[in-house]
Amino acid sequence: MREPILKAVAMPPRIFWAPAVPAMINFAVQAPIMFMWIGSGRNPIFFIGTLIIVHAFIVIYSVKEPHLSNMMRAWGPLASPTRNVYKGKGNKLAP
């Protein structure tokens, strides 16, 4: 097997030691709120601190789950509840 394929599967992309998708979501949520905060004439140092703290929690959690980005991407299509073909208890992915 080729090494680049194994490396891409074994180690997902990271931004400052955190999985890429959760790190980008963290920034995408906090940046607009921070700019609105700045627009009202307040000091943005609070948001810089929270950005670093939340990023640290993402890094700590990613030690346990290194493929957190892939898990989040796979969860999207399955987030909606499934419908059973036949009546019965519980959700079934296949009839």
PDB file of N, CA and C in Angstrom:
ATOM      1  N   MET A   1       0.831  -1.180   0.000  1.00  0.00           N
ATOM      2  CA  MET A   1       0.000   0.000   0.000  1.00  0.00           C
ATOM      3  C   MET A   1       0.876   1.245   0.000  1.00  0.00           C
ATOM      4  N   ARG A   2       0.290   2.305  -0.503  1.00  0.00           N
ATOM      5  CA  ARG A   2       1.034   3.546  -0.556  1.00  0.00           C
ATOM      6  C   ARG A   2       0.938   4.286   0.778  1.00  0.00           C
ATOM      7  N   GLU A   3       1.998   4.960   1.097  1.00  0.00           N
ATOM      8  CA  GLU A   3       2.040   5.692   2.360  1.00  0.00           C
ATOM      9  C   GLU A   3       1.089   6.887   2.404  1.00  0.00           C
ATOM     10  N   PRO A   4       0.945   7.699   1.336  1.00  0.00           N
ATOM     11  CA  PRO A   4       0.032   8.856   1.436  1.00  0.00           C
ATOM     12  C   PRO A   4      -1.412   8.463   1.749  1.00  0.00           C
ATOM     13  N   ILE A   5      -1.870   7.325   1.213  1.00  0.00           N
ATOM     14  CA  ILE A   5      -3.240   6.891   1.495  1.00  0.00           C
ATOM     15  C   ILE A   5      -3.365   6.510   2.964  1.00  0.00           C
ATOM     16  N   LEU A   6      -2.424   5.775   3.486  1.00  0.00           N
ATOM     17  CA  LEU A   6      -2.471   5.383   4.885  1.00  0.00           C
ATOM     18  C   LEU A   6      -2.369   6.595   5.803  1.00  0.00           C
ATOM     19  N   LYS A   7      -1.522   7.551   5.446  1.00  0.00           N
ATOM     20  CA  LYS A   7      -1.360   8.727   6.274  1.00  0.00           C
ATOM     21  C   LYS A   7      -2.649   9.553   6.298  1.00  0.00           C
ATOM     22  N   ALA A   8      -3.331   9.674   5.168  1.00  0.00           N
ATOM     23  CA  ALA A   8      -4.579  10.448   5.116  1.00  0.00           C
ATOM     24  C   ALA A   8      -5.679   9.777   5.919  1.00  0.00           C
ATOM     25  N   VAL A   9      -5.716   8.475   5.928  1.00  0.00           N
ATOM     26  CA  VAL A   9      -6.749   7.758   6.675  1.00  0.00           C
ATOM     27  C   VAL A   9      -6.403   7.730   8.161  1.00  0.00           C
ATOM     28  N   ALA A  10      -5.140   7.529   8.478  1.00  0.00           N
ATOM     29  CA  ALA A  10      -4.742   7.369   9.870  1.00  0.00           C
ATOM     30  C   ALA A  10      -4.752   8.690  10.644  1.00  0.00           C
ATOM     31  N   MET A  11      -4.409   9.797   9.999  1.00  0.00           N
ATOM     32  CA  MET A  11      -4.341  11.066  10.708  1.00  0.00           C
ATOM     33  C   MET A  11      -5.129  12.130   9.954  1.00  0.00           C
ATOM     34  N   PRO A  12      -6.344  12.425  10.396  1.00  0.00           N
ATOM     35  CA  PRO A  12      -7.161  13.430   9.720  1.00  0.00           C
ATOM     36  C   PRO A  12      -6.549  14.829   9.859  1.00  0.00           C
ATOM     37  N   PRO A  13      -6.954  15.784   9.008  1.00  0.00           N
ATOM     38  CA  PRO A  13      -6.372  17.129   9.060  1.00  0.00           C
ATOM     39  C   PRO A  13      -6.629  17.815  10.400  1.00  0.00           C
ATOM     40  N   ARG A  14      -5.647  18.600  10.836  1.00  0.00           N
ATOM     41  CA  ARG A  14      -5.724  19.269  12.126  1.00  0.00           C
ATOM     42  C   ARG A  14      -5.358  20.737  11.981  1.00  0.00           C
ATOM     43  N   ILE A  15      -5.929  21.560  12.867  1.00  0.00           N
ATOM     44  CA  ILE A  15      -5.587  22.977  12.962  1.00  0.00           C
ATOM     45  C   ILE A  15      -5.151  23.218  14.402  1.00  0.00           C
ATOM     46  N   PHE A  16      -3.871  23.478  14.599  1.00  0.00           N
ATOM     47  CA  PHE A  16      -3.306  23.660  15.936  1.00  0.00           C
ATOM     48  C   PHE A  16      -3.704  22.518  16.869  1.00  0.00           C
ATOM     49  N   TRP A  17      -3.456  21.307  16.458  1.00  0.00           N
ATOM     50  CA  TRP A  17      -3.649  20.055  17.194  1.00  0.00           C
ATOM     51  C   TRP A  17      -5.109  19.659  17.393  1.00  0.00           C
ATOM     52  N   ALA A  18      -6.052  20.391  16.858  1.00  0.00           N
ATOM     53  CA  ALA A  18      -7.472  20.050  16.966  1.00  0.00           C
ATOM     54  C   ALA A  18      -7.980  19.582  15.605  1.00  0.00           C
ATOM     55  N   PRO A  19      -8.948  18.684  15.560  1.00  0.00           N
ATOM     56  CA  PRO A  19      -9.525  18.285  14.280  1.00  0.00           C
ATOM     57  C   PRO A  19     -10.061  19.505  13.537  1.00  0.00           C
ATOM     58  N   ALA A  20      -9.948  19.492  12.220  1.00  0.00           N
ATOM     59  CA  ALA A  20     -10.226  20.676  11.409  1.00  0.00           C
ATOM     60  C   ALA A  20     -11.678  21.140  11.502  1.00  0.00           C
ATOM     61  N   VAL A  21     -12.636  20.252  11.385  1.00  0.00           N
ATOM     62  CA  VAL A  21     -14.050  20.655  11.345  1.00  0.00           C
ATOM     63  C   VAL A  21     -14.500  21.290  12.668  1.00  0.00           C
ATOM     64  N   PRO A  22     -14.255  20.670  13.842  1.00  0.00           N
ATOM     65  CA  PRO A  22     -14.667  21.333  15.084  1.00  0.00           C
ATOM     66  C   PRO A  22     -13.944  22.665  15.321  1.00  0.00           C
ATOM     67  N   ALA A  23     -12.678  22.755  14.920  1.00  0.00           N
ATOM     68  CA  ALA A  23     -11.940  24.006  15.094  1.00  0.00           C
ATOM     69  C   ALA A  23     -12.530  25.108  14.212  1.00  0.00           C
ATOM     70  N   MET A  24     -12.904  24.771  12.977  1.00  0.00           N
ATOM     71  CA  MET A  24     -13.513  25.769  12.093  1.00  0.00           C
ATOM     72  C   MET A  24     -14.901  26.168  12.585  1.00  0.00           C
ATOM     73  N   ILE A  25     -15.661  25.222  13.108  1.00  0.00           N
ATOM     74  CA  ILE A  25     -16.986  25.540  13.646  1.00  0.00           C
ATOM     75  C   ILE A  25     -16.844  26.460  14.861  1.00  0.00           C
ATOM     76  N   ASN A  26     -15.861  26.192  15.704  1.00  0.00           N
ATOM     77  CA  ASN A  26     -15.610  27.042  16.867  1.00  0.00           C
ATOM     78  C   ASN A  26     -15.334  28.476  16.417  1.00  0.00           C
ATOM     79  N   PHE A  27     -14.481  28.646  15.431  1.00  0.00           N
ATOM     80  CA  PHE A  27     -14.165  29.991  14.949  1.00  0.00           C
ATOM     81  C   PHE A  27     -15.355  30.626  14.236  1.00  0.00           C
ATOM     82  N   ALA A  28     -16.082  29.839  13.454  1.00  0.00           N
ATOM     83  CA  ALA A  28     -17.219  30.370  12.701  1.00  0.00           C
ATOM     84  C   ALA A  28     -18.354  30.825  13.617  1.00  0.00           C
ATOM     85  N   VAL A  29     -18.477  30.237  14.786  1.00  0.00           N
ATOM     86  CA  VAL A  29     -19.521  30.651  15.727  1.00  0.00           C
ATOM     87  C   VAL A  29     -19.068  31.878  16.516  1.00  0.00           C
ATOM     88  N   GLN A  30     -17.824  31.869  16.968  1.00  0.00           N
ATOM     89  CA  GLN A  30     -17.374  32.936  17.854  1.00  0.00           C
ATOM     90  C   GLN A  30     -16.965  34.213  17.128  1.00  0.00           C
ATOM     91  N   ALA A  31     -16.487  34.127  15.891  1.00  0.00           N
ATOM     92  CA  ALA A  31     -16.024  35.320  15.183  1.00  0.00           C
ATOM     93  C   ALA A  31     -17.148  36.323  14.905  1.00  0.00           C
ATOM     94  N   PRO A  32     -18.299  35.928  14.369  1.00  0.00           N
ATOM     95  CA  PRO A  32     -19.352  36.941  14.151  1.00  0.00           C
ATOM     96  C   PRO A  32     -19.853  37.578  15.440  1.00  0.00           C
ATOM     97  N   ILE A  33     -19.950  36.777  16.491  1.00  0.00           N
ATOM     98  CA  ILE A  33     -20.388  37.329  17.772  1.00  0.00           C
ATOM     99  C   ILE A  33     -19.351  38.332  18.281  1.00  0.00           C
ATOM    100  N   MET A  34     -18.063  38.004  18.098  1.00  0.00           N
ATOM    101  CA  MET A  34     -17.003  38.912  18.523  1.00  0.00           C
ATOM    102  C   MET A  34     -17.054  40.220  17.733  1.00  0.00           C
ATOM    103  N   PHE A  35     -17.303  40.154  16.427  1.00  0.00           N
ATOM    104  CA  PHE A  35     -17.357  41.383  15.636  1.00  0.00           C
ATOM    105  C   PHE A  35     -18.571  42.236  16.003  1.00  0.00           C
ATOM    106  N   MET A  36     -19.685  41.606  16.347  1.00  0.00           N
ATOM    107  CA  MET A  36     -20.834  42.381  16.827  1.00  0.00           C
ATOM    108  C   MET A  36     -20.513  43.022  18.173  1.00  0.00           C
ATOM    109  N   TRP A  37     -19.781  42.307  19.002  1.00  0.00           N
ATOM    110  CA  TRP A  37     -19.359  42.822  20.301  1.00  0.00           C
ATOM    111  C   TRP A  37     -18.445  44.035  20.109  1.00  0.00           C
ATOM    112  N   ILE A  38     -17.511  43.948  19.160  1.00  0.00           N
ATOM    113  CA  ILE A  38     -16.612  45.065  18.859  1.00  0.00           C
ATOM    114  C   ILE A  38     -17.411  46.243  18.297  1.00  0.00           C
ATOM    115  N   GLY A  39     -18.409  45.938  17.466  1.00  0.00           N
ATOM    116  CA  GLY A  39     -19.227  46.986  16.868  1.00  0.00           C
ATOM    117  C   GLY A  39     -19.994  47.799  17.893  1.00  0.00           C
ATOM    118  N   SER A  40     -20.285  47.209  19.039  1.00  0.00           N
ATOM    119  CA  SER A  40     -20.993  47.948  20.083  1.00  0.00           C
ATOM    120  C   SER A  40     -20.024  48.706  20.986  1.00  0.00           C
ATOM    121  N   GLY A  41     -18.730  48.694  20.636  1.00  0.00           N
ATOM    122  CA  GLY A  41     -17.738  49.489  21.368  1.00  0.00           C
ATOM    123  C   GLY A  41     -17.164  48.821  22.592  1.00  0.00           C
ATOM    124  N   ARG A  42     -17.166  47.503  22.635  1.00  0.00           N
ATOM    125  CA  ARG A  42     -16.644  46.788  23.794  1.00  0.00           C
ATOM    126  C   ARG A  42     -15.313  46.128  23.470  1.00  0.00           C
ATOM    127  N   ASN A  43     -14.620  45.675  24.484  1.00  0.00           N
ATOM    128  CA  ASN A  43     -13.304  45.068  24.344  1.00  0.00           C
ATOM    129  C   ASN A  43     -13.434  43.596  23.925  1.00  0.00           C
ATOM    130  N   PRO A  44     -12.727  43.164  22.850  1.00  0.00           N
ATOM    131  CA  PRO A  44     -12.857  41.786  22.364  1.00  0.00           C
ATOM    132  C   PRO A  44     -11.970  40.768  23.072  1.00  0.00           C
ATOM    133  N   ILE A  45     -11.233  41.173  24.106  1.00  0.00           N
ATOM    134  CA  ILE A  45     -10.298  40.250  24.753  1.00  0.00           C
ATOM    135  C   ILE A  45     -11.016  39.052  25.369  1.00  0.00           C
ATOM    136  N   PHE A  46     -12.259  39.224  25.793  1.00  0.00           N
ATOM    137  CA  PHE A  46     -13.043  38.119  26.350  1.00  0.00           C
ATOM    138  C   PHE A  46     -13.199  37.003  25.312  1.00  0.00           C
ATOM    139  N   PHE A  47     -13.496  37.358  24.063  1.00  0.00           N
ATOM    140  CA  PHE A  47     -13.708  36.354  23.026  1.00  0.00           C
ATOM    141  C   PHE A  47     -12.419  35.674  22.598  1.00  0.00           C
ATOM    142  N   ILE A  48     -11.316  36.384  22.678  1.00  0.00           N
ATOM    143  CA  ILE A  48     -10.033  35.751  22.372  1.00  0.00           C
ATOM    144  C   ILE A  48      -9.743  34.672  23.415  1.00  0.00           C
ATOM    145  N   GLY A  49     -10.045  34.968  24.671  1.00  0.00           N
ATOM    146  CA  GLY A  49      -9.859  33.977  25.734  1.00  0.00           C
ATOM    147  C   GLY A  49     -10.776  32.775  25.570  1.00  0.00           C
ATOM    148  N   THR A  50     -12.056  33.034  25.255  1.00  0.00           N
ATOM    149  CA  THR A  50     -12.979  31.908  25.093  1.00  0.00           C
ATOM    150  C   THR A  50     -12.632  31.077  23.864  1.00  0.00           C
ATOM    151  N   LEU A  51     -12.137  31.721  22.815  1.00  0.00           N
ATOM    152  CA  LEU A  51     -11.716  30.981  21.623  1.00  0.00           C
ATOM    153  C   LEU A  51     -10.596  30.007  21.971  1.00  0.00           C
ATOM    154  N   ILE A  52      -9.647  30.449  22.755  1.00  0.00           N
ATOM    155  CA  ILE A  52      -8.526  29.590  23.147  1.00  0.00           C
ATOM    156  C   ILE A  52      -8.989  28.492  24.103  1.00  0.00           C
ATOM    157  N   ILE A  53      -9.859  28.821  25.036  1.00  0.00           N
ATOM    158  CA  ILE A  53     -10.342  27.821  26.005  1.00  0.00           C
ATOM    159  C   ILE A  53     -11.142  26.720  25.312  1.00  0.00           C
ATOM    160  N   VAL A  54     -12.064  27.107  24.419  1.00  0.00           N
ATOM    161  CA  VAL A  54     -12.867  26.107  23.701  1.00  0.00           C
ATOM    162  C   VAL A  54     -11.971  25.270  22.785  1.00  0.00           C
ATOM    163  N   HIS A  55     -10.985  25.921  22.159  1.00  0.00           N
ATOM    164  CA  HIS A  55     -10.054  25.169  21.312  1.00  0.00           C
ATOM    165  C   HIS A  55      -9.272  24.151  22.150  1.00  0.00           C
ATOM    166  N   ALA A  56      -8.899  24.522  23.360  1.00  0.00           N
ATOM    167  CA  ALA A  56      -8.188  23.585  24.240  1.00  0.00           C
ATOM    168  C   ALA A  56      -9.072  22.393  24.588  1.00  0.00           C
ATOM    169  N   PHE A  57     -10.367  22.630  24.854  1.00  0.00           N
ATOM    170  CA  PHE A  57     -11.280  21.511  25.119  1.00  0.00           C
ATOM    171  C   PHE A  57     -11.419  20.601  23.901  1.00  0.00           C
ATOM    172  N   ILE A  58     -11.439  21.183  22.710  1.00  0.00           N
ATOM    173  CA  ILE A  58     -11.518  20.372  21.487  1.00  0.00           C
ATOM    174  C   ILE A  58     -10.258  19.524  21.344  1.00  0.00           C
ATOM    175  N   VAL A  59      -9.106  20.098  21.642  1.00  0.00           N
ATOM    176  CA  VAL A  59      -7.846  19.340  21.578  1.00  0.00           C
ATOM    177  C   VAL A  59      -7.859  18.196  22.584  1.00  0.00           C
ATOM    178  N   ILE A  60      -8.320  18.456  23.792  1.00  0.00           N
ATOM    179  CA  ILE A  60      -8.366  17.413  24.824  1.00  0.00           C
ATOM    180  C   ILE A  60      -9.322  16.295  24.414  1.00  0.00           C
ATOM    181  N   TYR A  61     -10.481  16.652  23.867  1.00  0.00           N
ATOM    182  CA  TYR A  61     -11.438  15.629  23.435  1.00  0.00           C
ATOM    183  C   TYR A  61     -10.916  14.851  22.224  1.00  0.00           C
ATOM    184  N   SER A  62     -10.147  15.525  21.364  1.00  0.00           N
ATOM    185  CA  SER A  62      -9.645  14.836  20.174  1.00  0.00           C
ATOM    186  C   SER A  62      -8.553  13.824  20.502  1.00  0.00           C
ATOM    187  N   VAL A  63      -7.960  13.922  21.676  1.00  0.00           N
ATOM    188  CA  VAL A  63      -7.008  12.889  22.094  1.00  0.00           C
ATOM    189  C   VAL A  63      -7.746  11.568  22.252  1.00  0.00           C
ATOM    190  N   LYS A  64      -8.964  11.642  22.785  1.00  0.00           N
ATOM    191  CA  LYS A  64      -9.782  10.443  22.964  1.00  0.00           C
ATOM    192  C   LYS A  64     -10.379   9.982  21.638  1.00  0.00           C
ATOM    193  N   GLU A  65     -10.866  10.924  20.813  1.00  0.00           N
ATOM    194  CA  GLU A  65     -11.490  10.632  19.517  1.00  0.00           C
ATOM    195  C   GLU A  65     -10.753  11.362  18.407  1.00  0.00           C
ATOM    196  N   PRO A  66      -9.702  10.789  17.845  1.00  0.00           N
ATOM    197  CA  PRO A  66      -8.939  11.504  16.820  1.00  0.00           C
ATOM    198  C   PRO A  66      -9.712  11.729  15.520  1.00  0.00           C
ATOM    199  N   HIS A  67     -10.742  10.956  15.266  1.00  0.00           N
ATOM    200  CA  HIS A  67     -11.509  11.098  14.024  1.00  0.00           C
ATOM    201  C   HIS A  67     -12.825  11.841  14.264  1.00  0.00           C
ATOM    202  N   LEU A  68     -12.772  12.861  15.094  1.00  0.00           N
ATOM    203  CA  LEU A  68     -13.965  13.636  15.432  1.00  0.00           C
ATOM    204  C   LEU A  68     -14.547  14.337  14.200  1.00  0.00           C
ATOM    205  N   SER A  69     -13.701  14.838  13.308  1.00  0.00           N
ATOM    206  CA  SER A  69     -14.180  15.504  12.087  1.00  0.00           C
ATOM    207  C   SER A  69     -14.987  14.548  11.225  1.00  0.00           C
ATOM    208  N   ASN A  70     -14.484  13.347  11.041  1.00  0.00           N
ATOM    209  CA  ASN A  70     -15.191  12.359  10.221  1.00  0.00           C
ATOM    210  C   ASN A  70     -16.489  11.922  10.886  1.00  0.00           C
ATOM    211  N   MET A  71     -16.495  11.828  12.200  1.00  0.00           N
ATOM    212  CA  MET A  71     -17.713  11.461  12.906  1.00  0.00           C
ATOM    213  C   MET A  71     -18.780  12.540  12.733  1.00  0.00           C
ATOM    214  N   MET A  72     -18.372  13.804  12.780  1.00  0.00           N
ATOM    215  CA  MET A  72     -19.335  14.900  12.597  1.00  0.00           C
ATOM    216  C   MET A  72     -19.884  14.923  11.174  1.00  0.00           C
ATOM    217  N   ARG A  73     -19.032  14.666  10.183  1.00  0.00           N
ATOM    218  CA  ARG A  73     -19.499  14.627   8.791  1.00  0.00           C
ATOM    219  C   ARG A  73     -20.450  13.462   8.559  1.00  0.00           C
ATOM    220  N   ALA A  74     -20.195  12.330   9.168  1.00  0.00           N
ATOM    221  CA  ALA A  74     -21.050  11.156   8.973  1.00  0.00           C
ATOM    222  C   ALA A  74     -22.370  11.290   9.723  1.00  0.00           C
ATOM    223  N   TRP A  75     -22.387  12.067  10.793  1.00  0.00           N
ATOM    224  CA  TRP A  75     -23.600  12.225  11.585  1.00  0.00           C
ATOM    225  C   TRP A  75     -24.654  13.032  10.845  1.00  0.00           C
ATOM    226  N   GLY A  76     -24.254  13.949   9.959  1.00  0.00           N
ATOM    227  CA  GLY A  76     -25.185  14.832   9.262  1.00  0.00           C
ATOM    228  C   GLY A  76     -26.321  14.125   8.547  1.00  0.00           C
ATOM    229  N   PRO A  77     -26.068  13.190   7.641  1.00  0.00           N
ATOM    230  CA  PRO A  77     -27.174  12.522   6.946  1.00  0.00           C
ATOM    231  C   PRO A  77     -28.040  11.657   7.851  1.00  0.00           C
ATOM    232  N   LEU A  78     -27.506  11.194   8.960  1.00  0.00           N
ATOM    233  CA  LEU A  78     -28.265  10.315   9.848  1.00  0.00           C
ATOM    234  C   LEU A  78     -28.945  11.073  10.979  1.00  0.00           C
ATOM    235  N   ALA A  79     -28.868  12.397  10.969  1.00  0.00           N
ATOM    236  CA  ALA A  79     -29.450  13.180  12.058  1.00  0.00           C
ATOM    237  C   ALA A  79     -30.972  13.136  12.048  1.00  0.00           C
ATOM    238  N   SER A  80     -31.577  12.958  10.869  1.00  0.00           N
ATOM    239  CA  SER A  80     -33.033  12.897  10.808  1.00  0.00           C
ATOM    240  C   SER A  80     -33.509  11.510  11.246  1.00  0.00           C
ATOM    241  N   PRO A  81     -34.680  11.440  11.864  1.00  0.00           N
ATOM    242  CA  PRO A  81     -35.165  10.118  12.306  1.00  0.00           C
ATOM    243  C   PRO A  81     -35.523   9.235  11.115  1.00  0.00           C
ATOM    244  N   THR A  82     -35.353   7.957  11.299  1.00  0.00           N
ATOM    245  CA  THR A  82     -35.654   7.007  10.234  1.00  0.00           C
ATOM    246  C   THR A  82     -37.109   6.570  10.322  1.00  0.00           C
ATOM    247  N   ARG A  83     -37.651   6.131   9.214  1.00  0.00           N
ATOM    248  CA  ARG A  83     -39.016   5.606   9.170  1.00  0.00           C
ATOM    249  C   ARG A  83     -38.957   4.105   8.918  1.00  0.00           C
ATOM    250  N   ASN A  84     -39.717   3.391   9.673  1.00  0.00           N
ATOM    251  CA  ASN A  84     -39.766   1.944   9.487  1.00  0.00           C
ATOM    252  C   ASN A  84     -40.667   1.605   8.301  1.00  0.00           C
ATOM    253  N   VAL A  85     -40.262   0.621   7.539  1.00  0.00           N
ATOM    254  CA  VAL A  85     -41.091   0.152   6.436  1.00  0.00           C
ATOM    255  C   VAL A  85     -42.282  -0.609   6.988  1.00  0.00           C
ATOM    256  N   TYR A  86     -42.023  -1.423   7.992  1.00  0.00           N
ATOM    257  CA  TYR A  86     -43.086  -2.190   8.623  1.00  0.00           C
ATOM    258  C   TYR A  86     -43.260  -1.674  10.056  1.00  0.00           C
ATOM    259  N   LYS A  87     -44.481  -1.788  10.564  1.00  0.00           N
ATOM    260  CA  LYS A  87     -44.735  -1.304  11.921  1.00  0.00           C
ATOM    261  C   LYS A  87     -43.974  -2.162  12.926  1.00  0.00           C
ATOM    262  N   GLY A  88     -43.366  -1.502  13.854  1.00  0.00           N
ATOM    263  CA  GLY A  88     -42.634  -2.204  14.898  1.00  0.00           C
ATOM    264  C   GLY A  88     -41.987  -1.209  15.821  1.00  0.00           C
ATOM    265  N   LYS A  89     -41.418  -1.670  16.906  1.00  0.00           N
ATOM    266  CA  LYS A  89     -40.776  -0.793  17.856  1.00  0.00           C
ATOM    267  C   LYS A  89     -39.349  -0.508  17.423  1.00  0.00           C
ATOM    268  N   GLY A  90     -38.901   0.722  17.699  1.00  0.00           N
ATOM    269  CA  GLY A  90     -37.525   1.099  17.416  1.00  0.00           C
ATOM    270  C   GLY A  90     -37.325   1.525  15.973  1.00  0.00           C
ATOM    271  N   ASN A  91     -36.165   2.085  15.703  1.00  0.00           N
ATOM    272  CA  ASN A  91     -35.814   2.514  14.356  1.00  0.00           C
ATOM    273  C   ASN A  91     -34.981   1.455  13.670  1.00  0.00           C
ATOM    274  N   LYS A  92     -35.304   1.216  12.424  1.00  0.00           N
ATOM    275  CA  LYS A  92     -34.550   0.239  11.646  1.00  0.00           C
ATOM    276  C   LYS A  92     -33.994   0.953  10.411  1.00  0.00           C
ATOM    277  N   LEU A  93     -32.713   0.750  10.135  1.00  0.00           N
ATOM    278  CA  LEU A  93     -32.100   1.370   8.976  1.00  0.00           C
ATOM    279  C   LEU A  93     -32.388   0.564   7.703  1.00  0.00           C
ATOM    280  N   ALA A  94     -32.750  -0.681   7.858  1.00  0.00           N
ATOM    281  CA  ALA A  94     -33.042  -1.533   6.705  1.00  0.00           C
ATOM    282  C   ALA A  94     -34.292  -2.338   7.021  1.00  0.00           C
ATOM    283  N   PRO A  95     -35.103  -2.690   5.998  1.00  0.00           N
ATOM    284  CA  PRO A  95     -36.323  -3.468   6.257  1.00  0.00           C
ATOM    285  C   PRO A  95     -36.025  -4.898   6.685  1.00  0.00           C
TER     286      PRO A  95
END
